[in-house]
């Protein structure tokens, strides 16, 4: 029996059929789920997806919203460039496609935040178009099935995997096949503790036959991450408002709200007065904790800063008021994850 048919037979019996984005299927809902599922587990995504679609039920409502509102709904999901690209793409779809998600592959691929595999997955699952996909789960399945060595992120390895992905994608049942091969990687052909005994294509899996399942796909060589350190300032005035910083649109925590930060060697009293015209009465460092990004570790020292009574009256005299603002209700802000942690600790 062909690879795709074995996979489809397995999927109809054992695959996932009740995920939120599998109901009321549309290109918009499929697009949103595909973006949220990048680098994120299904169980984590489900509540975010449900909340997001309640607030933004269609592309036009997403395009009309503010970036702050979108980021607030994304807060905690991580990889925030996904949310910024989603919002930007929705506005492009309204401007260039009348608010209807494009149905041509090249048009979908041209949208911010969408690569070849994601474009194929959206059109295959929502419209039944024949497009191969190659997400992380599919790469693992195919690398093992054909004993393809080398890190899948390398161009030469990727080309081999795309060849097999194209070959196995059937002419019919595209949406089910696409979900099936992703499900196989997510629930059976897992990175750790794969369930080969339950795999519908294990009979000719080269990794299983040569006892190399644990070796494949080849892992990326891990780099030793550098460590940086920052002090985040918790400054509260007499009115109960916190001094918050709106991060630049791109870069670390892009577009999110954070606490003002200093390097560890900056003098707190002098810098706070120079930057925000506030006089420091006392300050106290809290316990250091580590936040890890993909390319470095950040050791964060939260610091409670008590300002003088004179400074407490300065509600609207902060330099660069678009970037630094007093906020009483921080629950209305899209906060960087470490800032959420700090306020939970407090």
C-alpha atoms as a PDB file:
ATOM      1  CA  UNK A   1       0.000   0.000   0.000  1.00  0.00           C
ATOM      2  CA  UNK A   2       1.411   3.451  -0.897  1.00  0.00           C
ATOM      3  CA  UNK A   3       2.861   5.642   1.853  1.00  0.00           C
ATOM      4  CA  UNK A   4       0.065   8.217   1.635  1.00  0.00           C
ATOM      5  CA  UNK A   5      -2.709   5.617   1.736  1.00  0.00           C
ATOM      6  CA  UNK A   6      -1.252   3.930   4.812  1.00  0.00           C
ATOM      7  CA  UNK A   7      -1.026   7.308   6.476  1.00  0.00           C
ATOM      8  CA  UNK A   8      -4.604   8.242   5.596  1.00  0.00           C
ATOM      9  CA  UNK A   9      -5.959   4.929   6.859  1.00  0.00           C
ATOM     10  CA  UNK A  10      -4.162   5.454  10.155  1.00  0.00           C
ATOM     11  CA  UNK A  11      -5.334   9.053  10.409  1.00  0.00           C
ATOM     12  CA  UNK A  12      -9.002   8.213   9.944  1.00  0.00           C
ATOM     13  CA  UNK A  13      -8.766   5.865  12.928  1.00  0.00           C
ATOM     14  CA  UNK A  14      -6.189   7.504  15.177  1.00  0.00           C
ATOM     15  CA  UNK A  15      -5.626  11.104  14.068  1.00  0.00           C
ATOM     16  CA  UNK A  16      -6.787  14.285  15.738  1.00  0.00           C
ATOM     17  CA  UNK A  17     -10.185  15.408  14.456  1.00  0.00           C
ATOM     18  CA  UNK A  18     -11.522  17.729  17.139  1.00  0.00           C
ATOM     19  CA  UNK A  19      -8.995  20.571  17.256  1.00  0.00           C
ATOM     20  CA  UNK A  20     -10.633  24.035  17.326  1.00  0.00           C
ATOM     21  CA  UNK A  21      -9.286  25.047  13.904  1.00  0.00           C
ATOM     22  CA  UNK A  22     -10.750  21.870  12.381  1.00  0.00           C
ATOM     23  CA  UNK A  23     -14.219  23.277  13.066  1.00  0.00           C
ATOM     24  CA  UNK A  24     -15.726  25.967  10.821  1.00  0.00           C
ATOM     25  CA  UNK A  25     -12.666  25.581   8.608  1.00  0.00           C
ATOM     26  CA  UNK A  26     -11.633  28.701   6.725  1.00  0.00           C
ATOM     27  CA  UNK A  27      -8.343  30.017   5.328  1.00  0.00           C
ATOM     28  CA  UNK A  28      -8.279  32.623   8.120  1.00  0.00           C
ATOM     29  CA  UNK A  29      -8.694  30.115  10.948  1.00  0.00           C
ATOM     30  CA  UNK A  30      -6.208  27.716   9.344  1.00  0.00           C
ATOM     31  CA  UNK A  31      -3.702  30.535   8.810  1.00  0.00           C
ATOM     32  CA  UNK A  32      -4.017  31.639  12.432  1.00  0.00           C
ATOM     33  CA  UNK A  33      -3.556  28.093  13.738  1.00  0.00           C
ATOM     34  CA  UNK A  34      -0.516  27.479  11.538  1.00  0.00           C
ATOM     35  CA  UNK A  35       1.169  30.657  12.765  1.00  0.00           C
ATOM     36  CA  UNK A  36       0.386  29.921  16.412  1.00  0.00           C
ATOM     37  CA  UNK A  37       1.631  26.344  16.096  1.00  0.00           C
ATOM     38  CA  UNK A  38       5.066  27.444  14.914  1.00  0.00           C
ATOM     39  CA  UNK A  39       7.466  26.620  17.771  1.00  0.00           C
ATOM     40  CA  UNK A  40       4.488  25.969  20.079  1.00  0.00           C
ATOM     41  CA  UNK A  41       2.691  22.847  21.309  1.00  0.00           C
ATOM     42  CA  UNK A  42      -0.967  22.199  20.407  1.00  0.00           C
ATOM     43  CA  UNK A  43      -2.091  22.122  24.053  1.00  0.00           C
ATOM     44  CA  UNK A  44      -0.594  25.577  24.611  1.00  0.00           C
ATOM     45  CA  UNK A  45      -2.093  27.027  21.443  1.00  0.00           C
ATOM     46  CA  UNK A  46      -5.732  25.922  21.930  1.00  0.00           C
ATOM     47  CA  UNK A  47      -6.796  28.509  24.575  1.00  0.00           C
ATOM     48  CA  UNK A  48      -4.958  31.287  22.739  1.00  0.00           C
ATOM     49  CA  UNK A  49      -6.627  30.348  19.461  1.00  0.00           C
ATOM     50  CA  UNK A  50     -10.084  30.304  21.041  1.00  0.00           C
ATOM     51  CA  UNK A  51      -9.604  33.671  22.752  1.00  0.00           C
ATOM     52  CA  UNK A  52      -8.065  35.232  19.636  1.00  0.00           C
ATOM     53  CA  UNK A  53     -10.887  34.140  17.328  1.00  0.00           C
ATOM     54  CA  UNK A  54     -13.501  35.401  19.778  1.00  0.00           C
ATOM     55  CA  UNK A  55     -11.927  38.856  19.709  1.00  0.00           C
ATOM     56  CA  UNK A  56     -10.914  38.808  16.037  1.00  0.00           C
ATOM     57  CA  UNK A  57     -13.404  36.517  14.241  1.00  0.00           C
ATOM     58  CA  UNK A  58     -12.245  37.478  10.755  1.00  0.00           C
ATOM     59  CA  UNK A  59      -9.461  39.160   8.835  1.00  0.00           C
ATOM     60  CA  UNK A  60     -11.137  42.573   8.737  1.00  0.00           C
ATOM     61  CA  UNK A  61     -11.576  42.735  12.508  1.00  0.00           C
ATOM     62  CA  UNK A  62      -7.930  41.756  12.954  1.00  0.00           C
ATOM     63  CA  UNK A  63      -6.788  44.396  10.472  1.00  0.00           C
ATOM     64  CA  UNK A  64      -8.847  47.112  12.231  1.00  0.00           C
ATOM     65  CA  UNK A  65      -7.397  46.321  15.638  1.00  0.00           C
ATOM     66  CA  UNK A  66      -4.359  48.007  17.134  1.00  0.00           C
ATOM     67  CA  UNK A  67      -1.046  46.220  17.354  1.00  0.00           C
ATOM     68  CA  UNK A  68      -1.201  46.668  21.125  1.00  0.00           C
ATOM     69  CA  UNK A  69      -4.489  44.767  21.263  1.00  0.00           C
ATOM     70  CA  UNK A  70      -3.121  41.960  19.086  1.00  0.00           C
ATOM     71  CA  UNK A  71      -0.002  41.667  21.235  1.00  0.00           C
ATOM     72  CA  UNK A  72      -2.122  41.655  24.391  1.00  0.00           C
ATOM     73  CA  UNK A  73      -3.973  38.588  23.043  1.00  0.00           C
ATOM     74  CA  UNK A  74      -0.622  37.007  22.149  1.00  0.00           C
ATOM     75  CA  UNK A  75       1.084  37.746  25.469  1.00  0.00           C
ATOM     76  CA  UNK A  76       2.628  34.570  26.887  1.00  0.00           C
ATOM     77  CA  UNK A  77       2.678  32.701  23.576  1.00  0.00           C
ATOM     78  CA  UNK A  78       6.172  33.941  22.713  1.00  0.00           C
ATOM     79  CA  UNK A  79       7.911  34.629  19.393  1.00  0.00           C
ATOM     80  CA  UNK A  80       6.056  37.940  19.115  1.00  0.00           C
ATOM     81  CA  UNK A  81       7.199  38.665  15.574  1.00  0.00           C
ATOM     82  CA  UNK A  82       4.528  36.113  14.610  1.00  0.00           C
ATOM     83  CA  UNK A  83       1.811  38.376  16.028  1.00  0.00           C
ATOM     84  CA  UNK A  84       3.234  41.516  14.417  1.00  0.00           C
ATOM     85  CA  UNK A  85       3.435  39.758  11.047  1.00  0.00           C
ATOM     86  CA  UNK A  86      -0.091  38.382  11.444  1.00  0.00           C
ATOM     87  CA  UNK A  87      -1.451  41.872  12.068  1.00  0.00           C
ATOM     88  CA  UNK A  88       0.521  43.373   9.180  1.00  0.00           C
ATOM     89  CA  UNK A  89      -0.570  40.577   6.829  1.00  0.00           C
ATOM     90  CA  UNK A  90      -4.237  41.115   7.751  1.00  0.00           C
ATOM     91  CA  UNK A  91      -3.926  44.773   6.780  1.00  0.00           C
ATOM     92  CA  UNK A  92      -2.288  43.807   3.481  1.00  0.00           C
ATOM     93  CA  UNK A  93      -5.089  41.319   2.762  1.00  0.00           C
ATOM     94  CA  UNK A  94      -7.687  44.059   3.334  1.00  0.00           C
ATOM     95  CA  UNK A  95      -5.798  46.532   1.154  1.00  0.00           C
ATOM     96  CA  UNK A  96      -4.819  44.207  -1.679  1.00  0.00           C
ATOM     97  CA  UNK A  97      -7.344  41.363  -1.586  1.00  0.00           C
ATOM     98  CA  UNK A  98     -10.534  43.008  -0.362  1.00  0.00           C
ATOM     99  CA  UNK A  99     -10.330  41.305   3.009  1.00  0.00           C
ATOM    100  CA  UNK A 100     -10.486  37.813   1.505  1.00  0.00           C
ATOM    101  CA  UNK A 101      -7.577  35.476   2.181  1.00  0.00           C
ATOM    102  CA  UNK A 102      -5.792  34.952  -1.161  1.00  0.00           C
ATOM    103  CA  UNK A 103      -6.171  31.582  -2.868  1.00  0.00           C
ATOM    104  CA  UNK A 104      -3.062  31.704  -5.055  1.00  0.00           C
ATOM    105  CA  UNK A 105       0.044  30.146  -3.524  1.00  0.00           C
ATOM    106  CA  UNK A 106       2.347  32.991  -4.627  1.00  0.00           C
ATOM    107  CA  UNK A 107       0.046  35.587  -3.089  1.00  0.00           C
ATOM    108  CA  UNK A 108      -0.031  33.691   0.201  1.00  0.00           C
ATOM    109  CA  UNK A 109       3.737  33.250   0.178  1.00  0.00           C
ATOM    110  CA  UNK A 110       4.154  37.011  -0.296  1.00  0.00           C
ATOM    111  CA  UNK A 111       2.456  37.764   3.035  1.00  0.00           C
ATOM    112  CA  UNK A 112       4.657  38.593   6.045  1.00  0.00           C
ATOM    113  CA  UNK A 113       5.517  35.638   8.263  1.00  0.00           C
ATOM    114  CA  UNK A 114       4.499  32.936   5.790  1.00  0.00           C
ATOM    115  CA  UNK A 115       7.057  30.539   4.294  1.00  0.00           C
ATOM    116  CA  UNK A 116       6.640  27.762   1.722  1.00  0.00           C
ATOM    117  CA  UNK A 117       5.473  25.072   4.151  1.00  0.00           C
ATOM    118  CA  UNK A 118       3.006  27.336   5.950  1.00  0.00           C
ATOM    119  CA  UNK A 119       1.574  28.621   2.663  1.00  0.00           C
ATOM    120  CA  UNK A 120       1.104  25.050   1.472  1.00  0.00           C
ATOM    121  CA  UNK A 121      -0.476  23.945   4.743  1.00  0.00           C
ATOM    122  CA  UNK A 122      -3.010  26.791   4.734  1.00  0.00           C
ATOM    123  CA  UNK A 123      -4.176  26.182   1.167  1.00  0.00           C
ATOM    124  CA  UNK A 124      -4.131  22.385   1.507  1.00  0.00           C
ATOM    125  CA  UNK A 125      -6.109  22.257   4.735  1.00  0.00           C
ATOM    126  CA  UNK A 126      -8.617  25.030   4.079  1.00  0.00           C
ATOM    127  CA  UNK A 127      -9.142  24.778   0.311  1.00  0.00           C
ATOM    128  CA  UNK A 128      -7.938  21.275  -0.566  1.00  0.00           C
ATOM    129  CA  UNK A 129      -5.256  22.517  -2.941  1.00  0.00           C
ATOM    130  CA  UNK A 130      -2.384  20.125  -3.587  1.00  0.00           C
ATOM    131  CA  UNK A 131       0.687  21.543  -1.888  1.00  0.00           C
ATOM    132  CA  UNK A 132       3.391  19.673   0.008  1.00  0.00           C
ATOM    133  CA  UNK A 133       4.322  20.748   3.519  1.00  0.00           C
ATOM    134  CA  UNK A 134       7.535  20.401   5.479  1.00  0.00           C
ATOM    135  CA  UNK A 135       7.173  21.545   9.070  1.00  0.00           C
ATOM    136  CA  UNK A 136       9.267  20.159  11.924  1.00  0.00           C
ATOM    137  CA  UNK A 137       7.081  17.091  12.406  1.00  0.00           C
ATOM    138  CA  UNK A 138       7.124  16.211   8.718  1.00  0.00           C
ATOM    139  CA  UNK A 139      10.879  16.665   8.506  1.00  0.00           C
ATOM    140  CA  UNK A 140      11.311  14.158  11.339  1.00  0.00           C
ATOM    141  CA  UNK A 141       9.007  11.579   9.743  1.00  0.00           C
ATOM    142  CA  UNK A 142      10.696  11.794   6.340  1.00  0.00           C
ATOM    143  CA  UNK A 143      14.252  11.980   7.679  1.00  0.00           C
ATOM    144  CA  UNK A 144      13.668   8.755   9.588  1.00  0.00           C
ATOM    145  CA  UNK A 145      11.703   6.996   6.896  1.00  0.00           C
ATOM    146  CA  UNK A 146      14.505   7.508   4.365  1.00  0.00           C
ATOM    147  CA  UNK A 147      17.431   7.663   6.818  1.00  0.00           C
ATOM    148  CA  UNK A 148      18.394  11.123   5.584  1.00  0.00           C
ATOM    149  CA  UNK A 149      21.434  12.326   7.495  1.00  0.00           C
ATOM    150  CA  UNK A 150      22.317  15.898   8.292  1.00  0.00           C
ATOM    151  CA  UNK A 151      20.570  18.710  10.101  1.00  0.00           C
ATOM    152  CA  UNK A 152      17.254  19.418   8.280  1.00  0.00           C
ATOM    153  CA  UNK A 153      17.944  23.148   8.440  1.00  0.00           C
ATOM    154  CA  UNK A 154      20.767  22.760   5.915  1.00  0.00           C
ATOM    155  CA  UNK A 155      19.822  23.570   2.329  1.00  0.00           C
ATOM    156  CA  UNK A 156      21.002  20.273   0.841  1.00  0.00           C
ATOM    157  CA  UNK A 157      19.146  18.219   3.452  1.00  0.00           C
ATOM    158  CA  UNK A 158      16.042  20.357   3.060  1.00  0.00           C
ATOM    159  CA  UNK A 159      16.018  19.730  -0.694  1.00  0.00           C
ATOM    160  CA  UNK A 160      16.030  15.980  -0.144  1.00  0.00           C
ATOM    161  CA  UNK A 161      13.161  16.231   2.328  1.00  0.00           C
ATOM    162  CA  UNK A 162      11.126  18.466   0.001  1.00  0.00           C
ATOM    163  CA  UNK A 163      11.571  15.893  -2.759  1.00  0.00           C
ATOM    164  CA  UNK A 164       9.940  13.190  -0.651  1.00  0.00           C
ATOM    165  CA  UNK A 165       7.283  15.556   0.681  1.00  0.00           C
ATOM    166  CA  UNK A 166       6.249  16.360  -2.887  1.00  0.00           C
ATOM    167  CA  UNK A 167       6.336  12.711  -3.941  1.00  0.00           C
ATOM    168  CA  UNK A 168       4.084  11.507  -1.117  1.00  0.00           C
ATOM    169  CA  UNK A 169       1.476  14.281  -1.272  1.00  0.00           C
ATOM    170  CA  UNK A 170      -1.546  12.599  -2.933  1.00  0.00           C
ATOM    171  CA  UNK A 171      -3.879  14.036  -5.541  1.00  0.00           C
ATOM    172  CA  UNK A 172      -6.925  13.589  -3.322  1.00  0.00           C
ATOM    173  CA  UNK A 173      -7.751  13.892   0.396  1.00  0.00           C
ATOM    174  CA  UNK A 174      -5.184  16.678   0.614  1.00  0.00           C
ATOM    175  CA  UNK A 175      -6.483  18.241   3.828  1.00  0.00           C
ATOM    176  CA  UNK A 176      -6.600  14.891   5.648  1.00  0.00           C
ATOM    177  CA  UNK A 177      -3.178  13.851   4.382  1.00  0.00           C
ATOM    178  CA  UNK A 178      -1.640  17.150   5.476  1.00  0.00           C
ATOM    179  CA  UNK A 179      -3.075  16.763   8.973  1.00  0.00           C
ATOM    180  CA  UNK A 180      -2.159  13.068   9.000  1.00  0.00           C
ATOM    181  CA  UNK A 181       1.558  13.498   8.409  1.00  0.00           C
ATOM    182  CA  UNK A 182       1.719  16.331  10.963  1.00  0.00           C
ATOM    183  CA  UNK A 183      -0.176  14.191  13.483  1.00  0.00           C
ATOM    184  CA  UNK A 184       2.119  11.253  12.881  1.00  0.00           C
ATOM    185  CA  UNK A 185       5.144  13.351  13.746  1.00  0.00           C
ATOM    186  CA  UNK A 186       3.460  14.968  16.736  1.00  0.00           C
ATOM    187  CA  UNK A 187       1.954  11.868  18.353  1.00  0.00           C
ATOM    188  CA  UNK A 188       3.849   8.794  17.075  1.00  0.00           C
ATOM    189  CA  UNK A 189       7.145   9.677  15.384  1.00  0.00           C
ATOM    190  CA  UNK A 190       8.154  11.952  18.242  1.00  0.00           C
ATOM    191  CA  UNK A 191      11.651  13.237  18.871  1.00  0.00           C
ATOM    192  CA  UNK A 192      11.866  11.344  22.154  1.00  0.00           C
ATOM    193  CA  UNK A 193      10.251   7.970  22.850  1.00  0.00           C
ATOM    194  CA  UNK A 194       8.769   7.419  19.394  1.00  0.00           C
ATOM    195  CA  UNK A 195       5.996   4.818  19.214  1.00  0.00           C
ATOM    196  CA  UNK A 196       7.251   2.832  16.245  1.00  0.00           C
ATOM    197  CA  UNK A 197       4.981  -0.114  17.067  1.00  0.00           C
ATOM    198  CA  UNK A 198       1.970   2.120  16.293  1.00  0.00           C
ATOM    199  CA  UNK A 199       3.407   3.704  13.146  1.00  0.00           C
ATOM    200  CA  UNK A 200       1.543   2.893   9.900  1.00  0.00           C
ATOM    201  CA  UNK A 201       4.691   3.298   7.777  1.00  0.00           C
ATOM    202  CA  UNK A 202       7.190   1.534  10.042  1.00  0.00           C
ATOM    203  CA  UNK A 203       7.497  -1.558   7.833  1.00  0.00           C
ATOM    204  CA  UNK A 204       9.802   0.241   5.407  1.00  0.00           C
ATOM    205  CA  UNK A 205      11.170   2.942   7.702  1.00  0.00           C
ATOM    206  CA  UNK A 206      14.913   2.888   7.137  1.00  0.00           C
ATOM    207  CA  UNK A 207      15.738   4.368  10.532  1.00  0.00           C
ATOM    208  CA  UNK A 208      13.778   1.615  12.288  1.00  0.00           C
ATOM    209  CA  UNK A 209      15.205  -1.149  10.091  1.00  0.00           C
ATOM    210  CA  UNK A 210      18.770   0.001  10.774  1.00  0.00           C
ATOM    211  CA  UNK A 211      18.148   0.838  14.453  1.00  0.00           C
ATOM    212  CA  UNK A 212      18.878   4.539  13.957  1.00  0.00           C
ATOM    213  CA  UNK A 213      15.599   6.083  15.089  1.00  0.00           C
ATOM    214  CA  UNK A 214      17.257   7.833  18.031  1.00  0.00           C
ATOM    215  CA  UNK A 215      19.951   9.311  15.760  1.00  0.00           C
ATOM    216  CA  UNK A 216      17.661  10.827  13.149  1.00  0.00           C
ATOM    217  CA  UNK A 217      16.984  13.500  12.207  1.00  0.00           C
ATOM    218  CA  UNK A 218      20.472  14.791  12.918  1.00  0.00           C
ATOM    219  CA  UNK A 219      20.403  17.397  15.647  1.00  0.00           C
ATOM    220  CA  UNK A 220      21.767  20.864  15.139  1.00  0.00           C
ATOM    221  CA  UNK A 221      25.074  21.366  16.897  1.00  0.00           C
ATOM    222  CA  UNK A 222      24.277  23.347  20.011  1.00  0.00           C
ATOM    223  CA  UNK A 223      26.156  26.550  20.607  1.00  0.00           C
ATOM    224  CA  UNK A 224      27.063  27.758  24.055  1.00  0.00           C
ATOM    225  CA  UNK A 225      24.743  30.700  24.614  1.00  0.00           C
ATOM    226  CA  UNK A 226      26.287  33.909  25.903  1.00  0.00           C
ATOM    227  CA  UNK A 227      24.938  35.396  29.135  1.00  0.00           C
ATOM    228  CA  UNK A 228      23.845  39.023  29.434  1.00  0.00           C
ATOM    229  CA  UNK A 229      22.547  40.851  32.487  1.00  0.00           C
ATOM    230  CA  UNK A 230      20.027  43.648  32.954  1.00  0.00           C
ATOM    231  CA  UNK A 231      18.339  45.390  35.857  1.00  0.00           C
ATOM    232  CA  UNK A 232      14.588  46.034  35.429  1.00  0.00           C
ATOM    233  CA  UNK A 233      13.282  48.907  37.515  1.00  0.00           C
ATOM    234  CA  UNK A 234       9.968  48.694  39.380  1.00  0.00           C
ATOM    235  CA  UNK A 235       9.120  52.368  39.885  1.00  0.00           C
ATOM    236  CA  UNK A 236       5.720  53.172  41.379  1.00  0.00           C
ATOM    237  CA  UNK A 237       4.367  56.620  42.192  1.00  0.00           C
ATOM    238  CA  UNK A 238       1.959  57.761  44.898  1.00  0.00           C
ATOM    239  CA  UNK A 239      -0.976  57.388  42.532  1.00  0.00           C
ATOM    240  CA  UNK A 240      -0.221  53.673  42.281  1.00  0.00           C
ATOM    241  CA  UNK A 241       0.990  53.790  38.680  1.00  0.00           C
ATOM    242  CA  UNK A 242       4.081  52.002  37.404  1.00  0.00           C
ATOM    243  CA  UNK A 243       6.586  53.519  35.017  1.00  0.00           C
ATOM    244  CA  UNK A 244       6.452  51.315  31.912  1.00  0.00           C
ATOM    245  CA  UNK A 245       8.462  51.252  28.702  1.00  0.00           C
ATOM    246  CA  UNK A 246       6.963  50.539  25.277  1.00  0.00           C
ATOM    247  CA  UNK A 247       9.576  48.486  23.446  1.00  0.00           C
ATOM    248  CA  UNK A 248      10.532  49.398  19.857  1.00  0.00           C
ATOM    249  CA  UNK A 249       8.482  47.627  17.135  1.00  0.00           C
ATOM    250  CA  UNK A 250      11.237  45.147  16.312  1.00  0.00           C
ATOM    251  CA  UNK A 251      13.876  43.355  18.324  1.00  0.00           C
ATOM    252  CA  UNK A 252      13.614  41.813  21.777  1.00  0.00           C
ATOM    253  CA  UNK A 253      10.039  42.040  23.105  1.00  0.00           C
ATOM    254  CA  UNK A 254       9.158  44.151  20.072  1.00  0.00           C
ATOM    255  CA  UNK A 255       5.996  46.196  20.592  1.00  0.00           C
ATOM    256  CA  UNK A 256       5.433  44.880  24.130  1.00  0.00           C
ATOM    257  CA  UNK A 257       5.468  46.770  27.416  1.00  0.00           C
ATOM    258  CA  UNK A 258       8.368  46.236  29.769  1.00  0.00           C
ATOM    259  CA  UNK A 259       9.955  47.867  32.786  1.00  0.00           C
ATOM    260  CA  UNK A 260      12.690  50.474  32.288  1.00  0.00           C
ATOM    261  CA  UNK A 261      16.041  48.744  32.153  1.00  0.00           C
ATOM    262  CA  UNK A 262      19.593  49.557  33.113  1.00  0.00           C
ATOM    263  CA  UNK A 263      22.861  47.749  32.671  1.00  0.00           C
ATOM    264  CA  UNK A 264      24.236  46.305  35.897  1.00  0.00           C
ATOM    265  CA  UNK A 265      27.037  48.875  36.069  1.00  0.00           C
ATOM    266  CA  UNK A 266      24.817  51.960  35.760  1.00  0.00           C
ATOM    267  CA  UNK A 267      24.227  54.010  38.915  1.00  0.00           C
ATOM    268  CA  UNK A 268      20.531  53.834  39.704  1.00  0.00           C
ATOM    269  CA  UNK A 269      20.059  57.249  41.328  1.00  0.00           C
ATOM    270  CA  UNK A 270      21.930  59.191  38.662  1.00  0.00           C
ATOM    271  CA  UNK A 271      20.481  57.332  35.699  1.00  0.00           C
ATOM    272  CA  UNK A 272      16.874  57.486  36.901  1.00  0.00           C
ATOM    273  CA  UNK A 273      17.118  61.231  37.442  1.00  0.00           C
ATOM    274  CA  UNK A 274      18.884  61.798  34.140  1.00  0.00           C
ATOM    275  CA  UNK A 275      16.543  59.633  32.054  1.00  0.00           C
ATOM    276  CA  UNK A 276      13.177  60.256  33.712  1.00  0.00           C
ATOM    277  CA  UNK A 277      13.675  63.309  35.941  1.00  0.00           C
ATOM    278  CA  UNK A 278      12.774  61.273  39.037  1.00  0.00           C
ATOM    279  CA  UNK A 279      14.663  61.447  42.339  1.00  0.00           C
ATOM    280  CA  UNK A 280      15.387  58.111  44.032  1.00  0.00           C
ATOM    281  CA  UNK A 281      14.825  57.779  47.752  1.00  0.00           C
ATOM    282  CA  UNK A 282      15.650  54.067  48.141  1.00  0.00           C
ATOM    283  CA  UNK A 283      16.170  51.044  45.932  1.00  0.00           C
ATOM    284  CA  UNK A 284      16.314  47.312  46.591  1.00  0.00           C
ATOM    285  CA  UNK A 285      17.383  44.479  44.311  1.00  0.00           C
ATOM    286  CA  UNK A 286      15.193  41.362  44.281  1.00  0.00           C
ATOM    287  CA  UNK A 287      16.270  37.820  43.429  1.00  0.00           C
ATOM    288  CA  UNK A 288      17.952  37.362  40.065  1.00  0.00           C
ATOM    289  CA  UNK A 289      16.261  35.063  37.555  1.00  0.00           C
ATOM    290  CA  UNK A 290      17.179  33.878  34.065  1.00  0.00           C
ATOM    291  CA  UNK A 291      15.160  34.301  30.871  1.00  0.00           C
ATOM    292  CA  UNK A 292      16.483  32.429  27.842  1.00  0.00           C
ATOM    293  CA  UNK A 293      16.135  33.580  24.251  1.00  0.00           C
ATOM    294  CA  UNK A 294      17.105  31.530  21.224  1.00  0.00           C
ATOM    295  CA  UNK A 295      20.515  33.195  21.020  1.00  0.00           C
ATOM    296  CA  UNK A 296      21.403  34.233  24.587  1.00  0.00           C
ATOM    297  CA  UNK A 297      20.566  33.955  28.282  1.00  0.00           C
ATOM    298  CA  UNK A 298      19.428  37.099  30.071  1.00  0.00           C
ATOM    299  CA  UNK A 299      19.946  37.311  33.841  1.00  0.00           C
ATOM    300  CA  UNK A 300      17.365  39.761  35.141  1.00  0.00           C
ATOM    301  CA  UNK A 301      17.608  41.608  38.435  1.00  0.00           C
ATOM    302  CA  UNK A 302      14.280  43.230  39.365  1.00  0.00           C
ATOM    303  CA  UNK A 303      14.876  46.364  41.408  1.00  0.00           C
ATOM    304  CA  UNK A 304      12.240  48.115  43.505  1.00  0.00           C
ATOM    305  CA  UNK A 305      12.828  51.857  43.326  1.00  0.00           C
ATOM    306  CA  UNK A 306      11.203  54.259  45.786  1.00  0.00           C
ATOM    307  CA  UNK A 307      11.025  57.807  44.478  1.00  0.00           C
ATOM    308  CA  UNK A 308      10.753  60.984  46.517  1.00  0.00           C
ATOM    309  CA  UNK A 309       7.476  62.797  47.223  1.00  0.00           C
ATOM    310  CA  UNK A 310       8.584  65.558  44.866  1.00  0.00           C
ATOM    311  CA  UNK A 311       9.003  63.042  42.060  1.00  0.00           C
ATOM    312  CA  UNK A 312       5.628  61.422  42.741  1.00  0.00           C
ATOM    313  CA  UNK A 313       3.840  64.448  41.351  1.00  0.00           C
ATOM    314  CA  UNK A 314       5.574  64.191  37.993  1.00  0.00           C
ATOM    315  CA  UNK A 315       2.944  62.241  36.087  1.00  0.00           C
ATOM    316  CA  UNK A 316       3.401  63.842  32.685  1.00  0.00           C
ATOM    317  CA  UNK A 317       6.958  65.127  32.687  1.00  0.00           C
ATOM    318  CA  UNK A 318       8.811  62.040  31.565  1.00  0.00           C
ATOM    319  CA  UNK A 319      11.185  62.240  28.627  1.00  0.00           C
ATOM    320  CA  UNK A 320       9.852  60.528  25.489  1.00  0.00           C
ATOM    321  CA  UNK A 321       6.281  60.053  26.704  1.00  0.00           C
ATOM    322  CA  UNK A 322       5.458  57.806  23.765  1.00  0.00           C
ATOM    323  CA  UNK A 323       8.031  55.332  25.018  1.00  0.00           C
ATOM    324  CA  UNK A 324       7.774  55.794  28.798  1.00  0.00           C
ATOM    325  CA  UNK A 325       4.379  56.124  30.459  1.00  0.00           C
ATOM    326  CA  UNK A 326       2.781  55.727  33.875  1.00  0.00           C
ATOM    327  CA  UNK A 327       0.198  52.923  33.989  1.00  0.00           C
ATOM    328  CA  UNK A 328      -2.035  51.985  36.914  1.00  0.00           C
ATOM    329  CA  UNK A 329      -3.699  48.934  35.381  1.00  0.00           C
ATOM    330  CA  UNK A 330      -0.934  46.869  33.845  1.00  0.00           C
ATOM    331  CA  UNK A 331      -3.378  44.036  33.113  1.00  0.00           C
ATOM    332  CA  UNK A 332      -4.472  46.036  30.061  1.00  0.00           C
ATOM    333  CA  UNK A 333      -0.941  45.961  28.629  1.00  0.00           C
ATOM    334  CA  UNK A 334       0.754  43.340  26.492  1.00  0.00           C
ATOM    335  CA  UNK A 335       3.634  42.590  28.844  1.00  0.00           C
ATOM    336  CA  UNK A 336       6.936  40.893  28.098  1.00  0.00           C
ATOM    337  CA  UNK A 337       6.949  37.477  29.771  1.00  0.00           C
ATOM    338  CA  UNK A 338       9.648  38.295  32.374  1.00  0.00           C
ATOM    339  CA  UNK A 339       7.702  41.401  33.422  1.00  0.00           C
ATOM    340  CA  UNK A 340       4.597  39.286  33.980  1.00  0.00           C
ATOM    341  CA  UNK A 341       6.724  36.994  36.129  1.00  0.00           C
ATOM    342  CA  UNK A 342       8.041  39.918  38.165  1.00  0.00           C
ATOM    343  CA  UNK A 343       4.582  41.233  38.953  1.00  0.00           C
ATOM    344  CA  UNK A 344       3.351  37.736  39.820  1.00  0.00           C
ATOM    345  CA  UNK A 345       6.242  37.358  42.269  1.00  0.00           C
ATOM    346  CA  UNK A 346       5.437  40.755  43.782  1.00  0.00           C
END
